[in-house]
Amino acid sequence: MKKGGKKLARYTESVCKICRREGSKLFFKAERCFTDKCAFERRAYAPGQHGQGRGKVSEYALQLREKQKVKRVYGLMENQFRNTFKDAERGKGITGENLISLLERRLDNVLYRTGMAGSRTQARLMVTHGYIRINSKKVDIPSLRVKQNDVIEIADKRKKEPRIADNIKSAESRHGVPEWLSLDKDNLKATVVRLPRRDDTTLPMHEQLIVELYSK
């Protein structure tokens, strides 16, 4: 799918199957993921005829599955993820930790992490549909990386939409706002207090497996 000449990441298969294949809840469907309708809660095994009988997997398979899981959590296509990894390699410090920091800094992720969007998928739609301002300027690129002291806010004409307030209320009771971000929920405005670190993410990740995969 394209908007304004930009290609957006899009998966056509059931996202619930992705959670089952990866063996963990990845929270693609916002509210539904916290109810008894969640497919992973009902069938916590891989999809397909042999999903319950899969045996030991190879080291390469583990590395590949971890990369696929993280890529899908953040909604990236293969080339986007590989380019992000290359940026992480070029950065100072530990490559795996750099990778997570770069992924967390994506604008669509920030909207989800602050609760202004109910999911990263919803966040991408909000960005491409003109809901978001950074430092008072309109942005329409979900993959844009925020910087320290950036101020992200909902456009004035969108601030009264009930679903945004509902998203924030739900997020408060489930995961809260990470320490590297601050949220002014009355004005629907978030500030990047500092850049994210490895321990700021709550997702079950084994980033070293991804590093090993790309090092082959």
N, C-alpha and C. Protein backbone atom coordinates (compact mmCIF):
# COMPACT_ATOMS: atom_id res chain seq x y z
N MET A 1 0.85 -1.19 0.00
CA MET A 1 0.00 0.00 0.00
C MET A 1 0.88 1.24 0.00
N LYS A 2 0.50 2.26 -0.78
CA LYS A 2 1.27 3.49 -0.84
C LYS A 2 0.42 4.67 -0.44
N LYS A 3 1.07 5.62 0.19
CA LYS A 3 0.41 6.89 0.52
C LYS A 3 1.45 7.97 0.40
N GLY A 4 1.15 8.97 -0.47
CA GLY A 4 2.10 10.06 -0.65
C GLY A 4 3.44 9.59 -1.17
N GLY A 5 3.41 8.47 -1.97
CA GLY A 5 4.66 7.97 -2.53
C GLY A 5 5.44 7.10 -1.57
N LYS A 6 4.91 6.82 -0.38
CA LYS A 6 5.63 6.02 0.60
C LYS A 6 5.03 4.64 0.67
N LYS A 7 5.87 3.62 0.79
CA LYS A 7 5.39 2.26 0.90
C LYS A 7 5.27 1.89 2.37
N LEU A 8 4.11 1.41 2.77
CA LEU A 8 3.88 1.05 4.16
C LEU A 8 3.95 -0.46 4.32
N ALA A 9 4.49 -0.91 5.47
CA ALA A 9 4.55 -2.33 5.75
C ALA A 9 3.14 -2.88 5.92
N ARG A 10 2.89 -4.02 5.28
CA ARG A 10 1.55 -4.58 5.38
C ARG A 10 1.61 -6.10 5.32
N TYR A 11 0.96 -6.76 6.29
CA TYR A 11 0.86 -8.20 6.28
C TYR A 11 -0.57 -8.57 5.93
N THR A 12 -0.70 -9.60 5.09
CA THR A 12 -2.03 -9.99 4.65
C THR A 12 -2.56 -11.20 5.39
N GLU A 13 -1.71 -11.92 6.14
CA GLU A 13 -2.19 -13.07 6.89
C GLU A 13 -2.76 -12.63 8.23
N SER A 14 -3.45 -13.56 8.89
CA SER A 14 -4.01 -13.27 10.20
C SER A 14 -2.89 -12.97 11.19
N VAL A 15 -2.98 -11.82 11.87
CA VAL A 15 -1.93 -11.48 12.82
C VAL A 15 -1.97 -12.39 14.04
N CYS A 16 -3.13 -12.98 14.33
CA CYS A 16 -3.22 -13.92 15.46
C CYS A 16 -2.36 -15.16 15.19
N LYS A 17 -2.26 -15.56 13.92
CA LYS A 17 -1.40 -16.69 13.58
C LYS A 17 0.06 -16.37 13.84
N ILE A 18 0.43 -15.10 13.68
CA ILE A 18 1.81 -14.70 13.94
C ILE A 18 2.14 -14.91 15.42
N CYS A 19 1.25 -14.51 16.32
CA CYS A 19 1.48 -14.71 17.75
C CYS A 19 1.62 -16.19 18.07
N ARG A 20 0.76 -17.00 17.50
CA ARG A 20 0.81 -18.44 17.76
C ARG A 20 2.09 -19.06 17.23
N ARG A 21 2.53 -18.59 16.05
CA ARG A 21 3.76 -19.13 15.47
C ARG A 21 4.97 -18.75 16.30
N GLU A 22 4.98 -17.52 16.84
CA GLU A 22 6.13 -17.05 17.61
C GLU A 22 6.09 -17.51 19.06
N GLY A 23 4.97 -18.07 19.50
CA GLY A 23 4.89 -18.61 20.85
C GLY A 23 4.74 -17.58 21.94
N SER A 24 4.27 -16.37 21.60
CA SER A 24 4.04 -15.34 22.62
C SER A 24 3.06 -14.31 22.09
N LYS A 25 2.38 -13.63 23.02
CA LYS A 25 1.43 -12.59 22.64
C LYS A 25 2.19 -11.35 22.20
N LEU A 26 1.89 -10.87 21.01
CA LEU A 26 2.59 -9.72 20.46
C LEU A 26 1.70 -8.48 20.38
N PHE A 27 0.46 -8.60 20.82
CA PHE A 27 -0.46 -7.47 21.00
C PHE A 27 -0.67 -6.67 19.72
N PHE A 28 -1.06 -7.38 18.66
CA PHE A 28 -1.35 -6.72 17.39
C PHE A 28 -2.74 -6.10 17.36
N LYS A 29 -3.68 -6.66 18.16
CA LYS A 29 -5.07 -6.25 18.03
C LYS A 29 -5.58 -5.42 19.21
N ALA A 30 -4.67 -4.75 19.88
CA ALA A 30 -5.05 -3.82 20.95
C ALA A 30 -5.99 -4.46 21.96
N GLU A 31 -7.21 -3.94 22.08
CA GLU A 31 -8.15 -4.37 23.10
C GLU A 31 -8.44 -5.86 23.06
N ARG A 32 -8.58 -6.43 21.89
CA ARG A 32 -8.92 -7.85 21.76
C ARG A 32 -7.89 -8.76 22.43
N CYS A 33 -6.63 -8.34 22.42
CA CYS A 33 -5.55 -9.16 22.99
C CYS A 33 -5.70 -9.36 24.50
N PHE A 34 -6.50 -8.52 25.14
CA PHE A 34 -6.66 -8.59 26.59
C PHE A 34 -7.99 -9.25 26.99
N THR A 35 -8.66 -9.87 26.02
CA THR A 35 -9.94 -10.51 26.29
C THR A 35 -9.84 -12.01 26.02
N ASP A 36 -10.91 -12.74 26.35
CA ASP A 36 -10.91 -14.18 26.11
C ASP A 36 -11.09 -14.51 24.64
N LYS A 37 -11.20 -13.50 23.78
CA LYS A 37 -11.28 -13.72 22.34
C LYS A 37 -9.89 -13.88 21.72
N CYS A 38 -8.84 -13.61 22.50
CA CYS A 38 -7.48 -13.70 22.00
C CYS A 38 -7.18 -15.13 21.53
N ALA A 39 -6.78 -15.27 20.27
CA ALA A 39 -6.52 -16.59 19.69
C ALA A 39 -5.36 -17.28 20.39
N PHE A 40 -4.36 -16.52 20.84
CA PHE A 40 -3.21 -17.14 21.51
C PHE A 40 -3.62 -17.75 22.85
N GLU A 41 -4.52 -17.10 23.56
CA GLU A 41 -4.99 -17.63 24.83
C GLU A 41 -5.76 -18.94 24.64
N ARG A 42 -6.49 -19.03 23.54
CA ARG A 42 -7.29 -20.23 23.28
C ARG A 42 -6.48 -21.36 22.66
N ARG A 43 -5.47 -20.98 21.85
CA ARG A 43 -4.66 -22.00 21.17
C ARG A 43 -3.20 -21.56 21.17
N ALA A 44 -2.53 -21.78 22.28
CA ALA A 44 -1.15 -21.32 22.44
C ALA A 44 -0.15 -22.29 21.82
N TYR A 45 -0.36 -22.61 20.56
CA TYR A 45 0.56 -23.47 19.82
C TYR A 45 0.56 -23.00 18.37
N ALA A 46 1.57 -23.42 17.63
CA ALA A 46 1.73 -22.94 16.26
C ALA A 46 0.56 -23.38 15.39
N PRO A 47 0.17 -22.54 14.41
CA PRO A 47 -0.93 -22.91 13.52
C PRO A 47 -0.52 -24.04 12.58
N GLY A 48 -1.50 -24.66 11.97
CA GLY A 48 -1.22 -25.71 11.00
C GLY A 48 -1.46 -27.09 11.56
N GLN A 49 -1.46 -28.06 10.68
CA GLN A 49 -1.78 -29.45 11.04
C GLN A 49 -0.84 -30.02 12.09
N HIS A 50 0.44 -29.61 12.04
CA HIS A 50 1.43 -30.18 12.96
C HIS A 50 1.87 -29.18 14.02
N GLY A 51 1.05 -28.19 14.26
CA GLY A 51 1.45 -27.13 15.19
C GLY A 51 1.74 -27.59 16.59
N GLN A 52 1.03 -28.62 17.08
CA GLN A 52 1.22 -29.08 18.46
C GLN A 52 2.32 -30.12 18.59
N GLY A 53 2.85 -30.57 17.46
CA GLY A 53 3.81 -31.66 17.54
C GLY A 53 5.19 -31.31 17.04
N ARG A 54 5.53 -30.03 17.02
CA ARG A 54 6.84 -29.64 16.52
C ARG A 54 7.94 -29.98 17.52
N GLY A 55 9.00 -30.58 17.01
CA GLY A 55 10.09 -31.00 17.88
C GLY A 55 11.19 -29.97 17.98
N LYS A 56 12.40 -30.44 18.24
CA LYS A 56 13.55 -29.58 18.41
C LYS A 56 13.88 -28.86 17.11
N VAL A 57 14.24 -27.59 17.21
CA VAL A 57 14.58 -26.81 16.01
C VAL A 57 16.06 -26.47 16.03
N SER A 58 16.61 -26.16 14.86
CA SER A 58 18.03 -25.87 14.75
C SER A 58 18.36 -24.48 15.29
N GLU A 59 19.66 -24.22 15.48
CA GLU A 59 20.11 -22.91 15.94
C GLU A 59 19.72 -21.83 14.94
N TYR A 60 19.89 -22.14 13.66
CA TYR A 60 19.53 -21.17 12.62
C TYR A 60 18.04 -20.85 12.66
N ALA A 61 17.22 -21.89 12.86
CA ALA A 61 15.77 -21.68 12.91
C ALA A 61 15.39 -20.78 14.08
N LEU A 62 16.07 -20.95 15.21
CA LEU A 62 15.80 -20.09 16.37
C LEU A 62 16.16 -18.64 16.07
N GLN A 63 17.29 -18.45 15.42
CA GLN A 63 17.73 -17.10 15.07
C GLN A 63 16.76 -16.45 14.09
N LEU A 64 16.34 -17.22 13.10
CA LEU A 64 15.41 -16.69 12.10
C LEU A 64 14.06 -16.35 12.71
N ARG A 65 13.56 -17.22 13.59
CA ARG A 65 12.27 -16.97 14.23
C ARG A 65 12.31 -15.71 15.08
N GLU A 66 13.44 -15.50 15.77
CA GLU A 66 13.56 -14.31 16.61
C GLU A 66 13.54 -13.04 15.76
N LYS A 67 14.26 -13.09 14.64
CA LYS A 67 14.26 -11.94 13.74
C LYS A 67 12.87 -11.68 13.19
N GLN A 68 12.19 -12.74 12.77
CA GLN A 68 10.84 -12.60 12.24
C GLN A 68 9.88 -12.04 13.29
N LYS A 69 10.03 -12.50 14.52
CA LYS A 69 9.16 -12.04 15.59
C LYS A 69 9.33 -10.54 15.83
N VAL A 70 10.56 -10.11 16.00
CA VAL A 70 10.82 -8.69 16.29
C VAL A 70 10.41 -7.82 15.10
N LYS A 71 10.71 -8.28 13.90
CA LYS A 71 10.34 -7.55 12.70
C LYS A 71 8.83 -7.34 12.63
N ARG A 72 8.08 -8.38 12.96
CA ARG A 72 6.63 -8.29 12.87
C ARG A 72 6.02 -7.50 14.02
N VAL A 73 6.62 -7.58 15.19
CA VAL A 73 6.14 -6.77 16.32
C VAL A 73 6.15 -5.29 15.96
N TYR A 74 7.23 -4.84 15.35
CA TYR A 74 7.36 -3.43 15.02
C TYR A 74 6.80 -3.08 13.65
N GLY A 75 6.33 -4.09 12.91
CA GLY A 75 5.66 -3.84 11.63
C GLY A 75 6.58 -3.44 10.50
N LEU A 76 7.79 -4.01 10.44
CA LEU A 76 8.74 -3.67 9.38
C LEU A 76 8.75 -4.74 8.31
N MET A 77 9.04 -4.33 7.07
CA MET A 77 9.31 -5.26 5.99
C MET A 77 10.79 -5.65 6.06
N GLU A 78 11.15 -6.67 5.30
CA GLU A 78 12.50 -7.24 5.41
C GLU A 78 13.60 -6.20 5.17
N ASN A 79 13.50 -5.42 4.10
CA ASN A 79 14.54 -4.43 3.81
C ASN A 79 14.61 -3.35 4.88
N GLN A 80 13.45 -2.96 5.40
CA GLN A 80 13.44 -1.95 6.47
C GLN A 80 14.19 -2.47 7.71
N PHE A 81 13.92 -3.73 8.04
CA PHE A 81 14.55 -4.30 9.23
C PHE A 81 16.05 -4.43 9.03
N ARG A 82 16.46 -4.90 7.85
CA ARG A 82 17.89 -5.07 7.57
C ARG A 82 18.60 -3.71 7.62
N ASN A 83 17.99 -2.68 7.08
CA ASN A 83 18.61 -1.36 7.11
C ASN A 83 18.70 -0.82 8.53
N THR A 84 17.70 -1.11 9.35
CA THR A 84 17.75 -0.70 10.75
C THR A 84 18.88 -1.41 11.46
N PHE A 85 19.05 -2.70 11.16
CA PHE A 85 20.16 -3.45 11.77
C PHE A 85 21.51 -2.85 11.35
N LYS A 86 21.65 -2.47 10.10
CA LYS A 86 22.90 -1.88 9.63
C LYS A 86 23.19 -0.58 10.38
N ASP A 87 22.14 0.21 10.62
CA ASP A 87 22.31 1.44 11.40
C ASP A 87 22.77 1.12 12.82
N ALA A 88 22.21 0.04 13.39
CA ALA A 88 22.58 -0.37 14.73
C ALA A 88 24.04 -0.81 14.78
N GLU A 89 24.50 -1.50 13.73
CA GLU A 89 25.90 -1.93 13.66
C GLU A 89 26.84 -0.74 13.60
N ARG A 90 26.43 0.30 12.89
CA ARG A 90 27.30 1.48 12.72
C ARG A 90 27.35 2.35 13.98
N GLY A 91 26.38 2.19 14.85
CA GLY A 91 26.33 3.02 16.05
C GLY A 91 27.33 2.60 17.10
N LYS A 92 27.56 3.45 18.06
CA LYS A 92 28.46 3.14 19.16
C LYS A 92 27.76 2.20 20.14
N GLY A 93 28.54 1.34 20.77
CA GLY A 93 27.96 0.46 21.78
C GLY A 93 27.65 -0.93 21.23
N ILE A 94 26.74 -1.61 21.91
CA ILE A 94 26.38 -2.99 21.59
C ILE A 94 25.31 -3.02 20.51
N THR A 95 25.56 -3.76 19.44
CA THR A 95 24.67 -3.75 18.28
C THR A 95 23.24 -4.13 18.64
N GLY A 96 23.06 -5.19 19.42
CA GLY A 96 21.71 -5.64 19.77
C GLY A 96 20.94 -4.59 20.54
N GLU A 97 21.60 -3.94 21.47
CA GLU A 97 20.94 -2.89 22.25
C GLU A 97 20.65 -1.68 21.38
N ASN A 98 21.55 -1.37 20.47
CA ASN A 98 21.31 -0.27 19.54
C ASN A 98 20.08 -0.55 18.68
N LEU A 99 19.95 -1.81 18.24
CA LEU A 99 18.81 -2.20 17.40
C LEU A 99 17.50 -1.95 18.12
N ILE A 100 17.40 -2.38 19.36
CA ILE A 100 16.17 -2.19 20.12
C ILE A 100 15.87 -0.71 20.32
N SER A 101 16.91 0.07 20.60
CA SER A 101 16.71 1.50 20.79
C SER A 101 16.17 2.16 19.52
N LEU A 102 16.73 1.78 18.36
CA LEU A 102 16.26 2.35 17.10
C LEU A 102 14.82 1.96 16.81
N LEU A 103 14.47 0.73 17.10
CA LEU A 103 13.09 0.28 16.88
C LEU A 103 12.11 1.00 17.81
N GLU A 104 12.52 1.18 19.06
CA GLU A 104 11.67 1.87 20.02
C GLU A 104 11.45 3.33 19.65
N ARG A 105 12.42 3.92 18.97
CA ARG A 105 12.34 5.34 18.62
C ARG A 105 11.45 5.62 17.41
N ARG A 106 10.96 4.59 16.75
CA ARG A 106 10.05 4.81 15.64
C ARG A 106 8.80 5.56 16.11
N LEU A 107 8.33 6.48 15.31
CA LEU A 107 7.18 7.29 15.69
C LEU A 107 5.95 6.44 15.97
N ASP A 108 5.69 5.43 15.14
CA ASP A 108 4.50 4.60 15.38
C ASP A 108 4.61 3.87 16.71
N ASN A 109 5.81 3.44 17.07
CA ASN A 109 5.99 2.78 18.36
C ASN A 109 5.78 3.75 19.52
N VAL A 110 6.26 4.98 19.37
CA VAL A 110 6.09 5.99 20.44
C VAL A 110 4.61 6.25 20.70
N LEU A 111 3.82 6.34 19.65
CA LEU A 111 2.38 6.56 19.83
C LEU A 111 1.74 5.40 20.56
N TYR A 112 2.17 4.19 20.24
CA TYR A 112 1.65 3.01 20.94
C TYR A 112 2.12 2.97 22.38
N ARG A 113 3.39 3.26 22.62
CA ARG A 113 3.95 3.16 23.97
C ARG A 113 3.38 4.22 24.91
N THR A 114 3.00 5.36 24.37
CA THR A 114 2.38 6.38 25.22
C THR A 114 0.89 6.11 25.43
N GLY A 115 0.33 5.24 24.61
CA GLY A 115 -1.09 4.92 24.72
C GLY A 115 -1.99 5.75 23.81
N MET A 116 -1.42 6.70 23.09
CA MET A 116 -2.26 7.50 22.20
C MET A 116 -2.83 6.67 21.05
N ALA A 117 -2.15 5.58 20.73
CA ALA A 117 -2.66 4.61 19.75
C ALA A 117 -2.83 3.27 20.44
N GLY A 118 -3.86 2.55 20.06
CA GLY A 118 -4.13 1.26 20.71
C GLY A 118 -3.21 0.15 20.25
N SER A 119 -2.56 0.31 19.12
CA SER A 119 -1.63 -0.68 18.58
C SER A 119 -0.68 0.04 17.64
N ARG A 120 0.40 -0.62 17.26
CA ARG A 120 1.32 0.00 16.31
C ARG A 120 0.68 0.13 14.94
N THR A 121 -0.20 -0.80 14.59
CA THR A 121 -0.91 -0.71 13.32
C THR A 121 -1.80 0.53 13.29
N GLN A 122 -2.54 0.73 14.38
CA GLN A 122 -3.38 1.93 14.48
C GLN A 122 -2.52 3.19 14.45
N ALA A 123 -1.36 3.14 15.09
CA ALA A 123 -0.46 4.30 15.11
C ALA A 123 0.00 4.66 13.70
N ARG A 124 0.32 3.67 12.88
CA ARG A 124 0.75 3.96 11.51
C ARG A 124 -0.35 4.65 10.73
N LEU A 125 -1.58 4.21 10.92
CA LEU A 125 -2.70 4.85 10.23
C LEU A 125 -2.88 6.29 10.70
N MET A 126 -2.73 6.52 12.00
CA MET A 126 -2.86 7.87 12.52
C MET A 126 -1.82 8.81 11.91
N VAL A 127 -0.59 8.31 11.76
CA VAL A 127 0.48 9.14 11.19
C VAL A 127 0.19 9.44 9.73
N THR A 128 -0.13 8.41 8.94
CA THR A 128 -0.33 8.63 7.51
C THR A 128 -1.59 9.43 7.21
N HIS A 129 -2.54 9.46 8.16
CA HIS A 129 -3.77 10.23 7.96
C HIS A 129 -3.69 11.64 8.53
N GLY A 130 -2.49 12.05 8.95
CA GLY A 130 -2.29 13.45 9.34
C GLY A 130 -2.65 13.80 10.76
N TYR A 131 -2.71 12.83 11.66
CA TYR A 131 -3.08 13.10 13.05
C TYR A 131 -1.94 13.70 13.87
N ILE A 132 -0.69 13.55 13.45
CA ILE A 132 0.44 13.76 14.33
C ILE A 132 1.28 14.98 13.95
N ARG A 133 1.75 15.66 15.00
CA ARG A 133 2.69 16.77 14.85
C ARG A 133 3.92 16.48 15.72
N ILE A 134 5.09 16.80 15.21
CA ILE A 134 6.32 16.73 16.00
C ILE A 134 6.93 18.12 16.01
N ASN A 135 7.09 18.64 17.21
CA ASN A 135 7.61 20.02 17.37
C ASN A 135 6.79 20.99 16.52
N SER A 136 5.47 20.78 16.54
CA SER A 136 4.47 21.63 15.86
C SER A 136 4.44 21.46 14.34
N LYS A 137 5.21 20.53 13.79
CA LYS A 137 5.22 20.31 12.35
C LYS A 137 4.52 19.00 12.00
N LYS A 138 3.71 19.02 10.95
CA LYS A 138 3.01 17.83 10.51
C LYS A 138 3.98 16.79 9.98
N VAL A 139 3.79 15.54 10.37
CA VAL A 139 4.62 14.44 9.87
C VAL A 139 3.70 13.34 9.36
N ASP A 140 4.17 12.59 8.36
CA ASP A 140 3.35 11.50 7.82
C ASP A 140 4.18 10.25 7.55
N ILE A 141 5.30 10.12 8.27
CA ILE A 141 6.19 8.97 8.10
C ILE A 141 6.22 8.16 9.40
N PRO A 142 5.55 7.02 9.46
CA PRO A 142 5.51 6.22 10.69
C PRO A 142 6.87 5.76 11.19
N SER A 143 7.82 5.57 10.26
CA SER A 143 9.14 5.06 10.64
C SER A 143 10.09 6.15 11.13
N LEU A 144 9.66 7.40 11.12
CA LEU A 144 10.52 8.49 11.56
C LEU A 144 11.02 8.23 12.98
N ARG A 145 12.31 8.47 13.22
CA ARG A 145 12.89 8.22 14.54
C ARG A 145 12.88 9.51 15.36
N VAL A 146 12.28 9.43 16.52
CA VAL A 146 12.22 10.60 17.39
C VAL A 146 13.58 10.82 18.04
N LYS A 147 13.81 12.06 18.47
CA LYS A 147 15.06 12.43 19.14
C LYS A 147 14.74 12.95 20.53
N GLN A 148 15.75 13.00 21.36
CA GLN A 148 15.57 13.55 22.71
C GLN A 148 15.02 14.97 22.63
N ASN A 149 14.04 15.27 23.48
CA ASN A 149 13.35 16.56 23.59
C ASN A 149 12.31 16.80 22.51
N ASP A 150 12.13 15.86 21.58
CA ASP A 150 11.04 15.99 20.62
C ASP A 150 9.70 15.99 21.34
N VAL A 151 8.77 16.79 20.84
CA VAL A 151 7.41 16.84 21.39
C VAL A 151 6.46 16.31 20.34
N ILE A 152 5.77 15.23 20.67
CA ILE A 152 4.84 14.57 19.74
C ILE A 152 3.43 14.83 20.24
N GLU A 153 2.56 15.34 19.38
CA GLU A 153 1.20 15.61 19.83
C GLU A 153 0.19 15.34 18.73
N ILE A 154 -1.05 15.16 19.19
CA ILE A 154 -2.17 14.97 18.27
C ILE A 154 -2.57 16.33 17.69
N ALA A 155 -2.87 16.39 16.40
CA ALA A 155 -3.31 17.63 15.76
C ALA A 155 -4.56 18.16 16.45
N ASP A 156 -4.68 19.46 16.57
CA ASP A 156 -5.78 20.08 17.31
C ASP A 156 -7.15 19.58 16.86
N LYS A 157 -7.34 19.44 15.56
CA LYS A 157 -8.67 19.07 15.06
C LYS A 157 -9.01 17.60 15.35
N ARG A 158 -8.02 16.83 15.83
CA ARG A 158 -8.26 15.41 16.13
C ARG A 158 -8.32 15.12 17.62
N LYS A 159 -8.03 16.11 18.45
CA LYS A 159 -7.87 15.87 19.88
C LYS A 159 -9.16 15.45 20.59
N LYS A 160 -10.30 15.75 20.00
CA LYS A 160 -11.56 15.43 20.67
C LYS A 160 -12.10 14.04 20.29
N GLU A 161 -11.35 13.30 19.49
CA GLU A 161 -11.81 11.98 19.09
C GLU A 161 -11.79 11.04 20.31
N PRO A 162 -12.92 10.45 20.67
CA PRO A 162 -13.02 9.64 21.89
C PRO A 162 -12.06 8.47 21.95
N ARG A 163 -11.75 7.86 20.80
CA ARG A 163 -10.92 6.65 20.83
C ARG A 163 -9.51 6.93 21.35
N ILE A 164 -9.01 8.17 21.16
CA ILE A 164 -7.67 8.47 21.64
C ILE A 164 -7.65 8.50 23.16
N ALA A 165 -8.63 9.14 23.76
CA ALA A 165 -8.73 9.16 25.23
C ALA A 165 -8.96 7.75 25.76
N ASP A 166 -9.75 6.96 25.05
CA ASP A 166 -10.00 5.57 25.46
C ASP A 166 -8.72 4.75 25.40
N ASN A 167 -7.92 4.97 24.35
CA ASN A 167 -6.64 4.25 24.23
C ASN A 167 -5.74 4.54 25.42
N ILE A 168 -5.65 5.81 25.79
CA ILE A 168 -4.78 6.22 26.90
C ILE A 168 -5.26 5.61 28.21
N LYS A 169 -6.57 5.62 28.42
CA LYS A 169 -7.12 5.04 29.64
C LYS A 169 -6.81 3.55 29.74
N SER A 170 -6.95 2.84 28.62
CA SER A 170 -6.66 1.41 28.61
C SER A 170 -5.18 1.15 28.85
N ALA A 171 -4.32 1.96 28.22
CA ALA A 171 -2.87 1.78 28.37
C ALA A 171 -2.41 2.03 29.80
N GLU A 172 -3.03 2.99 30.48
CA GLU A 172 -2.66 3.30 31.87
C GLU A 172 -2.82 2.09 32.77
N SER A 173 -3.86 1.30 32.52
CA SER A 173 -4.13 0.17 33.39
C SER A 173 -3.37 -1.09 32.99
N ARG A 174 -2.69 -1.05 31.83
CA ARG A 174 -2.04 -2.27 31.35
C ARG A 174 -0.52 -2.18 31.28
N HIS A 175 0.01 -1.16 30.67
CA HIS A 175 1.47 -1.12 30.57
C HIS A 175 2.06 0.23 30.95
N GLY A 176 1.26 1.26 31.09
CA GLY A 176 1.78 2.56 31.47
C GLY A 176 2.69 3.17 30.41
N VAL A 177 3.32 4.29 30.76
CA VAL A 177 4.22 5.00 29.84
C VAL A 177 5.65 4.70 30.27
N PRO A 178 6.53 4.28 29.34
CA PRO A 178 7.92 3.99 29.72
C PRO A 178 8.64 5.24 30.21
N GLU A 179 9.70 5.03 30.99
CA GLU A 179 10.39 6.14 31.64
C GLU A 179 11.06 7.10 30.66
N TRP A 180 11.35 6.64 29.45
CA TRP A 180 12.04 7.53 28.51
C TRP A 180 11.08 8.50 27.82
N LEU A 181 9.78 8.33 28.09
CA LEU A 181 8.76 9.22 27.55
C LEU A 181 7.93 9.82 28.67
N SER A 182 7.40 10.99 28.45
CA SER A 182 6.43 11.57 29.38
C SER A 182 5.18 11.92 28.59
N LEU A 183 4.02 11.83 29.24
CA LEU A 183 2.75 12.06 28.55
C LEU A 183 1.92 13.11 29.28
N ASP A 184 1.51 14.12 28.55
CA ASP A 184 0.53 15.09 29.03
C ASP A 184 -0.81 14.66 28.43
N LYS A 185 -1.55 13.84 29.19
CA LYS A 185 -2.75 13.24 28.62
C LYS A 185 -3.87 14.25 28.42
N ASP A 186 -3.86 15.35 29.17
CA ASP A 186 -4.89 16.37 29.00
C ASP A 186 -4.75 17.09 27.65
N ASN A 187 -3.50 17.29 27.25
CA ASN A 187 -3.25 17.99 25.98
C ASN A 187 -2.83 17.05 24.86
N LEU A 188 -2.85 15.73 25.14
CA LEU A 188 -2.48 14.71 24.16
C LEU A 188 -1.13 15.03 23.53
N LYS A 189 -0.15 15.16 24.43
CA LYS A 189 1.18 15.55 24.01
C LYS A 189 2.21 14.70 24.76
N ALA A 190 3.20 14.17 24.03
CA ALA A 190 4.26 13.36 24.64
C ALA A 190 5.61 13.99 24.37
N THR A 191 6.54 13.83 25.32
CA THR A 191 7.89 14.36 25.17
C THR A 191 8.90 13.24 25.33
N VAL A 192 9.94 13.26 24.47
CA VAL A 192 11.02 12.28 24.58
C VAL A 192 12.00 12.78 25.63
N VAL A 193 11.93 12.21 26.82
CA VAL A 193 12.77 12.66 27.94
C VAL A 193 14.23 12.28 27.71
N ARG A 194 14.43 11.09 27.22
CA ARG A 194 15.76 10.58 26.89
C ARG A 194 15.60 9.49 25.85
N LEU A 195 16.71 9.01 25.30
CA LEU A 195 16.64 7.93 24.33
C LEU A 195 16.42 6.60 25.06
N PRO A 196 15.70 5.68 24.44
CA PRO A 196 15.39 4.41 25.12
C PRO A 196 16.61 3.51 25.27
N ARG A 197 16.61 2.70 26.34
CA ARG A 197 17.66 1.73 26.59
C ARG A 197 17.09 0.31 26.50
N ARG A 198 17.95 -0.65 26.57
CA ARG A 198 17.53 -2.06 26.45
C ARG A 198 16.47 -2.42 27.49
N ASP A 199 16.64 -1.97 28.71
CA ASP A 199 15.71 -2.36 29.77
C ASP A 199 14.40 -1.58 29.74
N ASP A 200 14.22 -0.72 28.74
CA ASP A 200 12.97 0.02 28.63
C ASP A 200 11.89 -0.75 27.88
N THR A 201 12.27 -1.81 27.20
CA THR A 201 11.28 -2.58 26.47
C THR A 201 10.79 -3.75 27.32
N THR A 202 9.50 -4.02 27.24
CA THR A 202 8.91 -5.11 28.00
C THR A 202 8.65 -6.34 27.14
N LEU A 203 8.97 -6.25 25.87
CA LEU A 203 8.75 -7.38 24.96
C LEU A 203 9.80 -8.46 25.21
N PRO A 204 9.40 -9.73 25.12
CA PRO A 204 10.37 -10.82 25.27
C PRO A 204 11.25 -10.94 24.03
N MET A 205 12.46 -10.40 24.10
CA MET A 205 13.36 -10.40 22.94
C MET A 205 14.69 -11.02 23.31
N HIS A 206 15.29 -11.67 22.33
CA HIS A 206 16.65 -12.20 22.45
C HIS A 206 17.44 -11.64 21.27
N GLU A 207 17.81 -10.39 21.40
CA GLU A 207 18.42 -9.67 20.28
C GLU A 207 19.74 -10.26 19.83
N GLN A 208 20.44 -10.98 20.73
CA GLN A 208 21.71 -11.58 20.34
C GLN A 208 21.52 -12.63 19.24
N LEU A 209 20.36 -13.29 19.24
CA LEU A 209 20.08 -14.25 18.17
C LEU A 209 20.02 -13.56 16.81
N ILE A 210 19.49 -12.34 16.80
CA ILE A 210 19.40 -11.58 15.55
C ILE A 210 20.79 -11.16 15.10
N VAL A 211 21.60 -10.72 16.05
CA VAL A 211 22.98 -10.35 15.72
C VAL A 211 23.73 -11.54 15.13
N GLU A 212 23.55 -12.71 15.74
CA GLU A 212 24.22 -13.91 15.24
C GLU A 212 23.72 -14.27 13.84
N LEU A 213 22.44 -14.09 13.60
CA LEU A 213 21.88 -14.41 12.29
C LEU A 213 22.51 -13.55 11.20
N TYR A 214 22.59 -12.24 11.43
CA TYR A 214 23.14 -11.35 10.43
C TYR A 214 24.67 -11.39 10.35
N SER A 215 25.29 -12.07 11.30
CA SER A 215 26.74 -12.17 11.29
C SER A 215 27.24 -13.37 10.48
N LYS A 216 26.33 -14.20 10.03
CA LYS A 216 26.71 -15.40 9.27
C LYS A 216 27.26 -15.03 7.89
